[in-house]
Structure formats: C-alpha cells, structure tokens
Amino acid sequence: MPLIETAEDAATIAETFLGRYYVFRKLLKAKREDDAWLVEFDVGVFNRQVARIMLDAQTGKVTEYLSPDIQ
C-alpha cells in the first residue's frame, strides 16, 4: 500500500519540503503519474514562479525538485 494515497497527502508533503525555501506557496496541482506524484506550487510573491516536486508514492520521498530558477 502506498504511503501517499491522495493528492492532499502529496501536496502536504511537498509543501513541507518547499517551506524550507519559500514563504509563499500556493498549490497549483497534484497529479499521480504511475508510482509517483507530481506536485506544482506557485512560489512567486508578485509574479508566478512554479516549483515542481516529484514524490515517490511508496516512500513519500522527494525524488526530483525543479525550482523556478532552474526552469
């Protein structure tokens, strides 16, 4: 049974991770893709800046993180 079963669970884990880097975080989407969750947050205070986090559905660990600065 996967650790992350719902989009809400995935968003909570991703938001906790992003809390280390950003004060402002607005959830844009959380979508299951096979054995992973893709979660996107707008982290821009004035302009839209999208941070993307990929989570392993079985472990809940961050497997990929793309900050708005890299994209």
C-alpha atoms as a PDB file:
ATOM      1  CA  MET A   1       0.000   0.000   0.000  1.00  0.00           C
ATOM      2  CA  PRO A   2       1.457   3.395  -0.981  1.00  0.00           C
ATOM      3  CA  LEU A   3       2.360   5.951   1.637  1.00  0.00           C
ATOM      4  CA  ILE A   4       0.842   8.714  -0.474  1.00  0.00           C
ATOM      5  CA  GLU A   5      -2.711   7.760  -1.385  1.00  0.00           C
ATOM      6  CA  THR A   6      -4.326  11.138  -2.104  1.00  0.00           C
ATOM      7  CA  ALA A   7      -3.469  14.399  -3.797  1.00  0.00           C
ATOM      8  CA  GLU A   8      -3.917  16.137  -0.445  1.00  0.00           C
ATOM      9  CA  ASP A   9      -1.255  13.906   1.134  1.00  0.00           C
ATOM     10  CA  ALA A  10       1.139  14.610  -1.737  1.00  0.00           C
ATOM     11  CA  ALA A  11       0.509  18.362  -1.503  1.00  0.00           C
ATOM     12  CA  THR A  12       1.151  18.363   2.255  1.00  0.00           C
ATOM     13  CA  ILE A  13       4.487  16.575   1.885  1.00  0.00           C
ATOM     14  CA  ALA A  14       5.569  18.826  -0.991  1.00  0.00           C
ATOM     15  CA  GLU A  15       4.516  21.985   0.856  1.00  0.00           C
ATOM     16  CA  THR A  16       6.526  20.940   3.914  1.00  0.00           C
ATOM     17  CA  PHE A  17       9.548  20.426   1.671  1.00  0.00           C
ATOM     18  CA  LEU A  18       9.099  23.836  -0.001  1.00  0.00           C
ATOM     19  CA  GLY A  19       8.678  25.547   3.372  1.00  0.00           C
ATOM     20  CA  ARG A  20      12.459  25.377   3.748  1.00  0.00           C
ATOM     21  CA  TYR A  21      12.915  27.621   0.727  1.00  0.00           C
ATOM     22  CA  TYR A  22       9.813  29.764   0.237  1.00  0.00           C
ATOM     23  CA  VAL A  23       7.484  31.758   2.466  1.00  0.00           C
ATOM     24  CA  PHE A  24       4.708  31.980  -0.137  1.00  0.00           C
ATOM     25  CA  ARG A  25       3.321  28.693  -1.506  1.00  0.00           C
ATOM     26  CA  LYS A  26       0.090  28.262  -3.463  1.00  0.00           C
ATOM     27  CA  LEU A  27      -0.842  24.784  -4.684  1.00  0.00           C
ATOM     28  CA  LEU A  28      -1.427  24.609  -8.434  1.00  0.00           C
ATOM     29  CA  LYS A  29      -1.832  20.858  -8.943  1.00  0.00           C
ATOM     30  CA  ALA A  30      -1.057  17.428  -7.563  1.00  0.00           C
ATOM     31  CA  LYS A  31      -1.243  14.593 -10.056  1.00  0.00           C
ATOM     32  CA  ARG A  32      -0.441  10.886  -9.813  1.00  0.00           C
ATOM     33  CA  GLU A  33       1.871   9.587 -12.542  1.00  0.00           C
ATOM     34  CA  ASP A  34       2.433   5.824 -12.231  1.00  0.00           C
ATOM     35  CA  ASP A  35       4.384   5.302  -8.983  1.00  0.00           C
ATOM     36  CA  ALA A  36       4.993   8.996  -8.361  1.00  0.00           C
ATOM     37  CA  TRP A  37       3.185  12.235  -7.606  1.00  0.00           C
ATOM     38  CA  LEU A  38       3.915  15.461  -9.459  1.00  0.00           C
ATOM     39  CA  VAL A  39       3.077  18.476  -7.331  1.00  0.00           C
ATOM     40  CA  GLU A  40       3.313  22.070  -8.539  1.00  0.00           C
ATOM     41  CA  PHE A  41       3.248  25.186  -6.399  1.00  0.00           C
ATOM     42  CA  ASP A  42       3.350  28.849  -7.303  1.00  0.00           C
ATOM     43  CA  VAL A  43       6.089  30.257  -5.065  1.00  0.00           C
ATOM     44  CA  GLY A  44       6.253  33.763  -6.524  1.00  0.00           C
ATOM     45  CA  VAL A  45       5.049  36.589  -4.335  1.00  0.00           C
ATOM     46  CA  PHE A  46       4.418  39.082  -7.168  1.00  0.00           C
ATOM     47  CA  ASN A  47       4.916  37.031 -10.336  1.00  0.00           C
ATOM     48  CA  ARG A  48       4.000  33.426 -10.965  1.00  0.00           C
ATOM     49  CA  GLN A  49       7.000  31.168 -10.339  1.00  0.00           C
ATOM     50  CA  VAL A  50       6.311  27.447 -10.496  1.00  0.00           C
ATOM     51  CA  ALA A  51       8.214  24.955  -8.352  1.00  0.00           C
ATOM     52  CA  ARG A  52       7.800  21.280  -9.307  1.00  0.00           C
ATOM     53  CA  ILE A  53       8.283  18.415  -6.876  1.00  0.00           C
ATOM     54  CA  MET A  54       8.199  14.728  -7.753  1.00  0.00           C
ATOM     55  CA  LEU A  55       7.429  12.368  -4.869  1.00  0.00           C
ATOM     56  CA  ASP A  56       7.791   8.595  -4.720  1.00  0.00           C
ATOM     57  CA  ALA A  57       4.287   7.288  -3.956  1.00  0.00           C
ATOM     58  CA  GLN A  58       5.635   4.336  -1.968  1.00  0.00           C
ATOM     59  CA  THR A  59       8.067   6.180   0.300  1.00  0.00           C
ATOM     60  CA  GLY A  60       6.917   9.805   0.229  1.00  0.00           C
ATOM     61  CA  LYS A  61      10.474  10.928  -0.532  1.00  0.00           C
ATOM     62  CA  VAL A  62      11.281  13.785  -2.894  1.00  0.00           C
ATOM     63  CA  THR A  63      12.850  12.264  -5.993  1.00  0.00           C
ATOM     64  CA  GLU A  64      13.062  15.414  -8.072  1.00  0.00           C
ATOM     65  CA  TYR A  65      12.807  19.128  -7.402  1.00  0.00           C
ATOM     66  CA  LEU A  66      12.831  21.850 -10.036  1.00  0.00           C
ATOM     67  CA  SER A  67      12.948  25.339  -8.635  1.00  0.00           C
ATOM     68  CA  PRO A  68      11.659  28.290 -10.676  1.00  0.00           C
ATOM     69  CA  ASP A  69      15.269  29.472 -11.039  1.00  0.00           C
ATOM     70  CA  ILE A  70      16.225  26.331 -12.987  1.00  0.00           C
ATOM     71  CA  GLN A  71      13.260  26.156 -15.342  1.00  0.00           C
END
